[in-house]
Amino acid sequence: MATAAHAGHRLERRYARLGVFLIAPTIVVFSLVIVYPLLAAIYLSFFSVYTPTLEGEFTGADNYIRLLTNAAFWNSLITTLIWTVGTLSLQIVFGVGMALLLHQNLWFRSLARSLVLFPYFVSTVVAVLVWRWLFNDLYGAINHGLMQLGIMDMPLDWLGTMPNAMIGVILVGAWKYFPFVVIAVLARLQTIPEHLYEAAKIDGAGPIARFFDVTLPQLRSVLVVIILLRAIWDFKEFDLIYLLTGGGPVTSTQTLSLLVYQEAFALNEMGQAAAYSIGMMLVMLVFMLVYIRRTAREA
C-alpha cells in the first residue's frame, strides 16, 4: 500500500513538472510582450525623456501632475468616451438587428452570413481608403448621392469640420466592427429553446412582445460581455481614427491613443506619453474589472 502511494505521489510530481514545462513558454512570452512593456512605461513616466535618444532626467510625479492639469488630456478623454459610446451603440443596434434577420429562415442566409463578416476581416487601411473616397467633399459618392436625392445643395466636408468628422468616424467604426456583435448574438440566438417562443405565441404575444419578453432576456448575458469587450477595444482604438482624420480637424477627434502617439513621436516627450498611457490604462482597468467580475459570476 505504501509503495503504491509513493508511486502515485511521484507520478503527481512528474505531471506537475510537465505542467510547468508546458506553461513556461507562455509565461516567458507574456512577460516579454506585456509585463516588461508595462513596467518600462511606468518607469519612463517618472522621467522627462527625449524620444530620439531615450535620455532624460528624473522628474518624479511632474508628468502625472501635468496630466491632471492639462486640458488636452481631459479633452481627449471626453473625445474617447464620445467615440466609444457612439460607435458601440451603433454596433449593438446594427449587430443585434442583423443577427435577428440572419436567424430567420431566408433562402440567401448562408451567403448573407458570409458577406456580413466582410467589414470585420477587411484590412483597416483598405477600409479607411475606401471610406475616405466615399467621404471626399469634391468627388465622394456620399455627397454625390445626397445631392442627387435633393437632400442637400452643396457638397459637405465630412472629415474636415465638426461635428461631421466625429459622426463620420463613428459611422466607419460601427460599420467596421458590428460583425463581431452579429457573430456573438447569432450564436446565442441559435441556443434559445424554441418552446419559449411557442409558449409566448400561445399567450398571444406578437413579434415585438416576443423580442422583449423572450429574446432580449436570453441575450442579456452575452450582450453584457459583448459591450464590455467592445468598450475595451474601442476605447483603445488608434489606427482607424489616425488614418481617417489624424485627430482633426485640429484636435476634435483626437482620442487618448492619438494623444499618446503625438506626445511620444511628434513632441518627442516619451516620459509624458508614458504617463498619458498609464492614465489611459487606469481608465481601461475599470472596464476590465467589470468584465472579470461579470465572467466570474457567469462561471
Foldseek 3Di string as FASTA:
>chain_A
DVVVVVVVVVVVVVVVVVVCVVCVVVVVVCCVPPVVVLVVLVVLLQFFAQQVVRDTGGNGCPLVVCCVVPVLLVLQAVLLVCLLVLLLVLLQVVQLVVLVVLLDPDPCSVVVLVVLCVLQPDDLLVLLVLLCQLQDQPRHPVQVVCVVVVVDPHGDNQCADPPSNSVSLSVSSNSNPSSVSNVQLNVQVVPFDPVLVVVCVVVVDDPVRCCVVGVCVSCVLVVLLVSLVSSLVSSLDDDNSCSNHVCDPVNNNNHLNSVLVCCCPVVSRNNSSSSSVVVSVVVNVVSVVVNVVSVVVVD
